[in-house]
C-alpha atoms as a PDB file:
ATOM      1  CA  MET A   1     -57.405  -1.896  -4.589  1.00  0.00           C
ATOM      2  CA  PRO A   2     -54.235  -3.818  -5.430  1.00  0.00           C
ATOM      3  CA  SER A   3     -54.024  -7.215  -3.978  1.00  0.00           C
ATOM      4  CA  LYS A   4     -51.619  -7.891  -1.081  1.00  0.00           C
ATOM      5  CA  SER A   5     -49.459  -9.978  -3.426  1.00  0.00           C
ATOM      6  CA  ARG A   6     -49.115  -7.076  -5.836  1.00  0.00           C
ATOM      7  CA  ALA A   7     -48.486  -4.647  -2.972  1.00  0.00           C
ATOM      8  CA  LYS A   8     -45.547  -6.706  -1.745  1.00  0.00           C
ATOM      9  CA  ARG A   9     -42.261  -5.893  -3.254  1.00  0.00           C
ATOM     10  CA  ARG A  10     -41.307  -8.327  -5.888  1.00  0.00           C
ATOM     11  CA  LYS A  11     -38.254 -10.315  -5.106  1.00  0.00           C
ATOM     12  CA  LEU A  12     -35.366 -10.083  -7.518  1.00  0.00           C
ATOM     13  CA  PRO A  13     -34.762 -13.358  -9.448  1.00  0.00           C
ATOM     14  CA  TRP A  14     -31.987 -15.365  -7.962  1.00  0.00           C
ATOM     15  CA  TYR A  15     -29.831 -15.057 -11.043  1.00  0.00           C
ATOM     16  CA  LEU A  16     -29.903 -11.236 -10.849  1.00  0.00           C
ATOM     17  CA  ARG A  17     -29.020 -11.002  -7.162  1.00  0.00           C
ATOM     18  CA  PRO A  18     -25.208 -11.238  -7.646  1.00  0.00           C
ATOM     19  CA  PHE A  19     -25.429  -8.120  -9.915  1.00  0.00           C
ATOM     20  CA  LYS A  20     -27.312  -6.315  -7.171  1.00  0.00           C
ATOM     21  CA  TRP A  21     -24.595  -7.189  -4.634  1.00  0.00           C
ATOM     22  CA  LEU A  22     -21.926  -6.124  -7.019  1.00  0.00           C
ATOM     23  CA  LEU A  23     -23.680  -2.771  -7.573  1.00  0.00           C
ATOM     24  CA  TRP A  24     -23.861  -2.240  -3.784  1.00  0.00           C
ATOM     25  CA  PHE A  25     -20.210  -3.124  -3.423  1.00  0.00           C
ATOM     26  CA  ALA A  26     -19.215  -0.774  -6.169  1.00  0.00           C
ATOM     27  CA  VAL A  27     -21.217   2.144  -4.646  1.00  0.00           C
ATOM     28  CA  LEU A  28     -20.022   1.534  -1.099  1.00  0.00           C
ATOM     29  CA  SER A  29     -16.398   1.122  -2.198  1.00  0.00           C
ATOM     30  CA  VAL A  30     -16.492   4.404  -4.130  1.00  0.00           C
ATOM     31  CA  VAL A  31     -17.865   6.210  -1.048  1.00  0.00           C
ATOM     32  CA  TRP A  32     -15.212   4.562   1.138  1.00  0.00           C
ATOM     33  CA  VAL A  33     -12.426   5.765  -1.220  1.00  0.00           C
ATOM     34  CA  LEU A  34     -13.940   9.266  -1.389  1.00  0.00           C
ATOM     35  CA  VAL A  35     -13.939   9.522   2.428  1.00  0.00           C
ATOM     36  CA  TYR A  36     -10.360   8.400   2.699  1.00  0.00           C
ATOM     37  CA  ALA A  37      -9.338  10.974   0.038  1.00  0.00           C
ATOM     38  CA  VAL A  38      -9.673  13.589   2.804  1.00  0.00           C
ATOM     39  CA  VAL A  39      -9.826  11.638   6.071  1.00  0.00           C
ATOM     40  CA  PRO A  40      -6.864   9.602   7.405  1.00  0.00           C
ATOM     41  CA  PRO A  41      -7.787   5.914   7.593  1.00  0.00           C
ATOM     42  CA  PRO A  42      -8.365   5.342  11.310  1.00  0.00           C
ATOM     43  CA  VAL A  43      -7.405   1.642  11.311  1.00  0.00           C
ATOM     44  CA  THR A  44      -6.936  -1.215   8.848  1.00  0.00           C
ATOM     45  CA  PHE A  45      -7.678  -4.894   8.920  1.00  0.00           C
ATOM     46  CA  THR A  46      -3.974  -5.629   9.167  1.00  0.00           C
ATOM     47  CA  MET A  47      -3.683  -3.431  12.249  1.00  0.00           C
ATOM     48  CA  LEU A  48      -6.794  -5.045  13.887  1.00  0.00           C
ATOM     49  CA  ALA A  49      -5.297  -8.496  13.341  1.00  0.00           C
ATOM     50  CA  ASP A  50      -1.927  -7.543  14.878  1.00  0.00           C
ATOM     51  CA  ARG A  51      -1.585  -9.191  18.287  1.00  0.00           C
ATOM     52  CA  ASN A  52       1.332  -6.916  19.086  1.00  0.00           C
ATOM     53  CA  GLY A  53      -0.856  -3.833  19.340  1.00  0.00           C
ATOM     54  CA  ILE A  54      -0.863  -0.694  17.197  1.00  0.00           C
ATOM     55  CA  THR A  55       1.635   2.157  17.388  1.00  0.00           C
ATOM     56  CA  LYS A  56       1.006   4.804  14.747  1.00  0.00           C
ATOM     57  CA  ASP A  57       1.067   8.567  14.277  1.00  0.00           C
ATOM     58  CA  TRP A  58      -0.584   9.964  11.143  1.00  0.00           C
ATOM     59  CA  THR A  59       1.734  12.480   9.538  1.00  0.00           C
ATOM     60  CA  GLY A  60       0.972  14.547   6.464  1.00  0.00           C
ATOM     61  CA  LEU A  61       3.314  14.249   3.500  1.00  0.00           C
ATOM     62  CA  ALA A  62       4.572  17.846   4.026  1.00  0.00           C
ATOM     63  CA  ASN A  63       6.060  16.611   7.337  1.00  0.00           C
ATOM     64  CA  ILE A  64       7.754  13.542   5.881  1.00  0.00           C
ATOM     65  CA  ASP A  65      11.274  13.906   4.501  1.00  0.00           C
ATOM     66  CA  ARG A  66      11.460  13.622   0.743  1.00  0.00           C
ATOM     67  CA  ASN A  67      14.253  11.046   1.292  1.00  0.00           C
ATOM     68  CA  MET A  68      11.550   8.703   2.488  1.00  0.00           C
ATOM     69  CA  VAL A  69       9.428   9.150  -0.555  1.00  0.00           C
ATOM     70  CA  ARG A  70      12.454   8.591  -2.783  1.00  0.00           C
ATOM     71  CA  ALA A  71      13.499   5.569  -0.746  1.00  0.00           C
ATOM     72  CA  VAL A  72      10.220   3.684  -1.203  1.00  0.00           C
ATOM     73  CA  ILE A  73      10.105   4.542  -4.885  1.00  0.00           C
ATOM     74  CA  ALA A  74      13.697   3.244  -5.246  1.00  0.00           C
ATOM     75  CA  ALA A  75      12.898   0.059  -3.323  1.00  0.00           C
ATOM     76  CA  GLU A  76       9.267  -0.710  -4.210  1.00  0.00           C
ATOM     77  CA  ASP A  77       8.176   0.990  -7.401  1.00  0.00           C
ATOM     78  CA  GLY A  78      10.561   2.848  -9.704  1.00  0.00           C
ATOM     79  CA  LYS A  79       7.734   3.503 -12.193  1.00  0.00           C
ATOM     80  CA  PHE A  80       5.318   4.916  -9.550  1.00  0.00           C
ATOM     81  CA  CYS A  81       4.947   8.257 -11.389  1.00  0.00           C
ATOM     82  CA  THR A  82       4.417   6.745 -14.868  1.00  0.00           C
ATOM     83  CA  HIS A  83       2.093   3.768 -14.410  1.00  0.00           C
ATOM     84  CA  ASN A  84      -1.633   3.768 -13.889  1.00  0.00           C
ATOM     85  CA  GLY A  85      -1.483   1.624 -10.790  1.00  0.00           C
ATOM     86  CA  PHE A  86      -0.196  -1.495 -12.436  1.00  0.00           C
ATOM     87  CA  ASP A  87       3.343  -2.283 -13.723  1.00  0.00           C
ATOM     88  CA  ARG A  88       2.688  -4.841 -16.493  1.00  0.00           C
ATOM     89  CA  GLU A  89       6.377  -5.577 -17.025  1.00  0.00           C
ATOM     90  CA  ALA A  90       6.899  -6.293 -13.322  1.00  0.00           C
ATOM     91  CA  ILE A  91       3.785  -8.478 -13.204  1.00  0.00           C
ATOM     92  CA  GLU A  92       4.903 -10.443 -16.269  1.00  0.00           C
ATOM     93  CA  GLN A  93       8.377 -10.956 -14.828  1.00  0.00           C
ATOM     94  CA  ALA A  94       6.893 -12.079 -11.480  1.00  0.00           C
ATOM     95  CA  ILE A  95       4.600 -14.584 -13.236  1.00  0.00           C
ATOM     96  CA  GLU A  96       7.601 -15.927 -15.268  1.00  0.00           C
ATOM     97  CA  ARG A  97       9.778 -16.173 -12.195  1.00  0.00           C
ATOM     98  CA  ASN A  98       7.132 -17.964 -10.170  1.00  0.00           C
ATOM     99  CA  ALA A  99       6.327 -20.324 -13.008  1.00  0.00           C
ATOM    100  CA  GLN A 100       9.987 -21.381 -13.162  1.00  0.00           C
ATOM    101  CA  GLY A 101       9.752 -22.440  -9.508  1.00  0.00           C
ATOM    102  CA  ARG A 102      12.143 -19.773  -8.355  1.00  0.00           C
ATOM    103  CA  ARG A 103      11.653 -17.766  -5.193  1.00  0.00           C
ATOM    104  CA  MET A 104       8.155 -16.301  -5.049  1.00  0.00           C
ATOM    105  CA  ARG A 105       8.191 -12.640  -5.822  1.00  0.00           C
ATOM    106  CA  GLY A 106       5.327 -10.265  -6.457  1.00  0.00           C
ATOM    107  CA  GLY A 107       4.928  -7.483  -8.970  1.00  0.00           C
ATOM    108  CA  SER A 108       2.759  -5.200  -6.901  1.00  0.00           C
ATOM    109  CA  THR A 109       3.122  -1.397  -7.204  1.00  0.00           C
ATOM    110  CA  ILE A 110       2.925   1.041  -4.336  1.00  0.00           C
ATOM    111  CA  SER A 111      -0.658   1.783  -5.496  1.00  0.00           C
ATOM    112  CA  GLN A 112      -1.606  -1.893  -5.236  1.00  0.00           C
ATOM    113  CA  GLN A 113       0.071  -2.224  -1.855  1.00  0.00           C
ATOM    114  CA  THR A 114      -1.837   0.818  -0.579  1.00  0.00           C
ATOM    115  CA  ALA A 115      -5.169  -0.572  -1.799  1.00  0.00           C
ATOM    116  CA  LYS A 116      -4.426  -3.894  -0.127  1.00  0.00           C
ATOM    117  CA  ASN A 117      -3.163  -2.334   3.116  1.00  0.00           C
ATOM    118  CA  VAL A 118      -6.078   0.131   3.519  1.00  0.00           C
ATOM    119  CA  PHE A 119      -9.108  -1.715   2.195  1.00  0.00           C
ATOM    120  CA  LEU A 120      -8.310  -5.429   2.206  1.00  0.00           C
ATOM    121  CA  TRP A 121      -6.421  -8.068   4.146  1.00  0.00           C
ATOM    122  CA  GLN A 122      -3.005  -9.734   4.165  1.00  0.00           C
ATOM    123  CA  GLY A 123      -2.548 -13.417   3.596  1.00  0.00           C
ATOM    124  CA  SER A 124      -1.106 -16.080   1.426  1.00  0.00           C
ATOM    125  CA  GLY A 125      -2.240 -19.194  -0.383  1.00  0.00           C
ATOM    126  CA  TRP A 126      -5.731 -19.235  -1.866  1.00  0.00           C
ATOM    127  CA  THR A 127      -6.818 -16.089   0.089  1.00  0.00           C
ATOM    128  CA  ARG A 128      -4.133 -14.154  -1.753  1.00  0.00           C
ATOM    129  CA  TYR A 129      -5.761 -15.007  -5.082  1.00  0.00           C
ATOM    130  CA  VAL A 130      -9.225 -14.225  -3.794  1.00  0.00           C
ATOM    131  CA  ARG A 131      -7.966 -10.764  -2.751  1.00  0.00           C
ATOM    132  CA  LYS A 132      -6.572  -9.923  -6.158  1.00  0.00           C
ATOM    133  CA  VAL A 133      -9.897  -9.053  -7.803  1.00  0.00           C
ATOM    134  CA  PRO A 134     -10.991  -6.459  -5.285  1.00  0.00           C
ATOM    135  CA  GLU A 135      -7.347  -5.251  -5.111  1.00  0.00           C
ATOM    136  CA  VAL A 136      -7.532  -4.403  -8.823  1.00  0.00           C
ATOM    137  CA  TRP A 137     -10.796  -2.512  -8.274  1.00  0.00           C
ATOM    138  CA  PHE A 138      -9.507  -0.489  -5.287  1.00  0.00           C
ATOM    139  CA  THR A 139      -6.252   0.252  -7.042  1.00  0.00           C
ATOM    140  CA  PHE A 140      -8.179   1.706  -9.972  1.00  0.00           C
ATOM    141  CA  LEU A 141     -10.316   3.759  -7.620  1.00  0.00           C
ATOM    142  CA  ILE A 142      -7.493   5.325  -5.666  1.00  0.00           C
ATOM    143  CA  GLU A 143      -5.500   6.076  -8.790  1.00  0.00           C
ATOM    144  CA  THR A 144      -8.588   7.787 -10.253  1.00  0.00           C
ATOM    145  CA  ILE A 145      -9.877   9.560  -7.159  1.00  0.00           C
ATOM    146  CA  TRP A 146      -6.876  10.119  -4.929  1.00  0.00           C
ATOM    147  CA  GLY A 147      -3.994  10.672  -7.312  1.00  0.00           C
ATOM    148  CA  LYS A 148      -0.308   9.917  -6.697  1.00  0.00           C
ATOM    149  CA  ARG A 149       0.365  12.357  -3.875  1.00  0.00           C
ATOM    150  CA  ARG A 150      -2.478  11.019  -1.701  1.00  0.00           C
ATOM    151  CA  ILE A 151      -1.563   7.425  -2.492  1.00  0.00           C
ATOM    152  CA  MET A 152       2.001   8.034  -1.339  1.00  0.00           C
ATOM    153  CA  GLU A 153       0.849   9.888   1.766  1.00  0.00           C
ATOM    154  CA  VAL A 154      -1.505   7.103   2.831  1.00  0.00           C
ATOM    155  CA  TYR A 155       1.021   4.359   2.015  1.00  0.00           C
ATOM    156  CA  LEU A 156       3.654   6.002   4.159  1.00  0.00           C
ATOM    157  CA  ASN A 157       1.194   6.150   7.043  1.00  0.00           C
ATOM    158  CA  VAL A 158      -0.246   2.620   6.939  1.00  0.00           C
ATOM    159  CA  ALA A 159       2.688   0.477   5.849  1.00  0.00           C
ATOM    160  CA  GLU A 160       3.919  -1.815   8.598  1.00  0.00           C
ATOM    161  CA  THR A 161       7.353  -0.594   9.742  1.00  0.00           C
ATOM    162  CA  GLY A 162       8.038  -2.956  12.648  1.00  0.00           C
ATOM    163  CA  ILE A 163       6.387  -5.188  15.187  1.00  0.00           C
ATOM    164  CA  GLY A 164       3.133  -3.457  16.088  1.00  0.00           C
ATOM    165  CA  THR A 165       4.408  -0.294  14.330  1.00  0.00           C
ATOM    166  CA  TYR A 166       2.709   1.372  11.410  1.00  0.00           C
ATOM    167  CA  GLY A 167       3.738   4.315   9.316  1.00  0.00           C
ATOM    168  CA  VAL A 168       7.102   5.986   8.810  1.00  0.00           C
ATOM    169  CA  GLU A 169       6.630   8.499  11.565  1.00  0.00           C
ATOM    170  CA  ALA A 170       6.220   5.711  14.223  1.00  0.00           C
ATOM    171  CA  GLY A 171       9.049   3.837  12.499  1.00  0.00           C
ATOM    172  CA  ALA A 172      11.421   6.772  12.571  1.00  0.00           C
ATOM    173  CA  GLN A 173      10.658   7.418  16.235  1.00  0.00           C
ATOM    174  CA  ARG A 174      11.171   3.759  17.072  1.00  0.00           C
ATOM    175  CA  TYR A 175      14.444   3.240  15.230  1.00  0.00           C
ATOM    176  CA  PHE A 176      16.064   6.687  15.136  1.00  0.00           C
ATOM    177  CA  LYS A 177      14.424   8.619  18.013  1.00  0.00           C
ATOM    178  CA  HIS A 178      13.300  11.563  15.783  1.00  0.00           C
ATOM    179  CA  GLY A 179      10.520  12.391  13.415  1.00  0.00           C
ATOM    180  CA  ALA A 180      10.082  11.346   9.823  1.00  0.00           C
ATOM    181  CA  ASN A 181      10.713  14.984   8.812  1.00  0.00           C
ATOM    182  CA  LYS A 182      14.439  14.591   9.541  1.00  0.00           C
ATOM    183  CA  LEU A 183      15.257  11.282   7.925  1.00  0.00           C
ATOM    184  CA  THR A 184      18.682  10.985   6.268  1.00  0.00           C
ATOM    185  CA  PRO A 185      18.994   9.021   3.021  1.00  0.00           C
ATOM    186  CA  ALA A 186      20.566   6.158   4.991  1.00  0.00           C
ATOM    187  CA  GLU A 187      17.806   6.118   7.581  1.00  0.00           C
ATOM    188  CA  ALA A 188      15.042   6.334   4.967  1.00  0.00           C
ATOM    189  CA  ALA A 189      16.671   3.502   2.994  1.00  0.00           C
ATOM    190  CA  ARG A 190      16.793   1.299   6.154  1.00  0.00           C
ATOM    191  CA  ILE A 191      13.092   1.769   6.747  1.00  0.00           C
ATOM    192  CA  ALA A 192      12.383   0.996   3.105  1.00  0.00           C
ATOM    193  CA  ALA A 193      14.590  -2.068   3.312  1.00  0.00           C
ATOM    194  CA  ILE A 194      12.527  -3.659   6.039  1.00  0.00           C
ATOM    195  CA  LEU A 195       9.084  -2.967   4.541  1.00  0.00           C
ATOM    196  CA  PRO A 196       8.664  -6.425   2.891  1.00  0.00           C
ATOM    197  CA  LEU A 197       9.371  -8.220   6.154  1.00  0.00           C
ATOM    198  CA  PRO A 198       9.034  -5.660   8.990  1.00  0.00           C
ATOM    199  CA  LYS A 199       8.727  -8.260  11.701  1.00  0.00           C
ATOM    200  CA  LYS A 200      11.912 -10.117  10.704  1.00  0.00           C
ATOM    201  CA  ARG A 201      14.280  -7.331   9.442  1.00  0.00           C
ATOM    202  CA  GLU A 202      16.077  -4.792  11.605  1.00  0.00           C
ATOM    203  CA  ALA A 203      16.496  -1.188  10.672  1.00  0.00           C
ATOM    204  CA  VAL A 204      19.011  -0.442  13.432  1.00  0.00           C
ATOM    205  CA  SER A 205      22.473  -2.037  12.895  1.00  0.00           C
ATOM    206  CA  PRO A 206      21.201  -4.281  10.071  1.00  0.00           C
ATOM    207  CA  SER A 207      23.337  -7.150   8.862  1.00  0.00           C
ATOM    208  CA  GLY A 208      23.534  -9.530   5.922  1.00  0.00           C
ATOM    209  CA  PHE A 209      20.943  -9.000   3.200  1.00  0.00           C
ATOM    210  CA  THR A 210      19.161  -6.124   4.940  1.00  0.00           C
ATOM    211  CA  ARG A 211      22.327  -4.149   5.224  1.00  0.00           C
ATOM    212  CA  ARG A 212      23.290  -4.686   1.605  1.00  0.00           C
ATOM    213  CA  TYR A 213      19.743  -3.972   0.448  1.00  0.00           C
ATOM    214  CA  GLY A 214      19.641  -0.764   2.465  1.00  0.00           C
ATOM    215  CA  ASN A 215      22.906   0.384   0.957  1.00  0.00           C
ATOM    216  CA  MET A 216      21.598  -0.278  -2.504  1.00  0.00           C
ATOM    217  CA  ILE A 217      18.443   1.718  -1.805  1.00  0.00           C
ATOM    218  CA  THR A 218      20.601   4.602  -0.494  1.00  0.00           C
ATOM    219  CA  ALA A 219      22.444   4.701  -3.818  1.00  0.00           C
ATOM    220  CA  ARG A 220      19.159   4.532  -5.748  1.00  0.00           C
ATOM    221  CA  ILE A 221      17.761   7.503  -3.846  1.00  0.00           C
ATOM    222  CA  GLY A 222      20.263   9.648  -5.743  1.00  0.00           C
ATOM    223  CA  GLN A 223      19.037   8.234  -9.019  1.00  0.00           C
ATOM    224  CA  VAL A 224      15.393   8.956  -8.119  1.00  0.00           C
ATOM    225  CA  ARG A 225      16.385  12.538  -7.314  1.00  0.00           C
ATOM    226  CA  ARG A 226      18.410  13.018 -10.476  1.00  0.00           C
ATOM    227  CA  ASP A 227      15.748  11.561 -12.766  1.00  0.00           C
ATOM    228  CA  GLY A 228      12.818  13.228 -11.014  1.00  0.00           C
ATOM    229  CA  LEU A 229      11.126   9.894 -10.384  1.00  0.00           C
ATOM    230  CA  ASP A 230       9.293  11.405  -7.461  1.00  0.00           C
ATOM    231  CA  GLY A 231       8.026  14.437  -9.373  1.00  0.00           C
ATOM    232  CA  CYS A 232       4.330  13.354  -9.469  1.00  0.00           C
ATOM    233  CA  VAL A 233       4.238  13.481  -5.690  1.00  0.00           C
ATOM    234  CA  TYR A 234       5.304  17.082  -5.471  1.00  0.00           C
ATOM    235  CA  ARG A 235       3.562  18.792  -8.325  1.00  0.00           C
END
């Protein structure tokens, strides 16, 4: 009979344990992404941390006006349909800008923002840099498994659109008293204009920078339409 010591499962050497943890993380993250490929994310870490509560209403992309899709592409990621999740040129420009001590500005794509919003956490300082590694991994997964249409659909449903408000449906109801399926170019542009700072910017009767930025997005919506920059979402 085998001795008790042999019968016991051998412990993995300490130097191999990190690889075991990484393997488990990879497997679980793939399963997580596969589930959300067909199931709406019920809640995110950002929502759970919001002391203002959560107002949201999941809405399929078929019921979101195309103006909204064009508005976020115009405002956030003009190369959404052509990159693989990462815009190298935008990242390089952001690094150069930040290195020069100018106003901090990121180079995140809609895909990266979706990965962050759904699977990870918000934050600045050192936590932002810790988040970047899993953000790259989750961005790769959703680009590979979900595809552009699903990424856009999820993004438009989890993005913070106001104080305690998430998704463009809840945002449209809050600001314009109608659903996201009836957004005009100007209304869609106003929602897109507040996305970077939804707690500080106002979509209704905006002033200053927000008003100018919204007007610029409205003009760019026409360019997105003419150049077919949203084509990957509607194939």
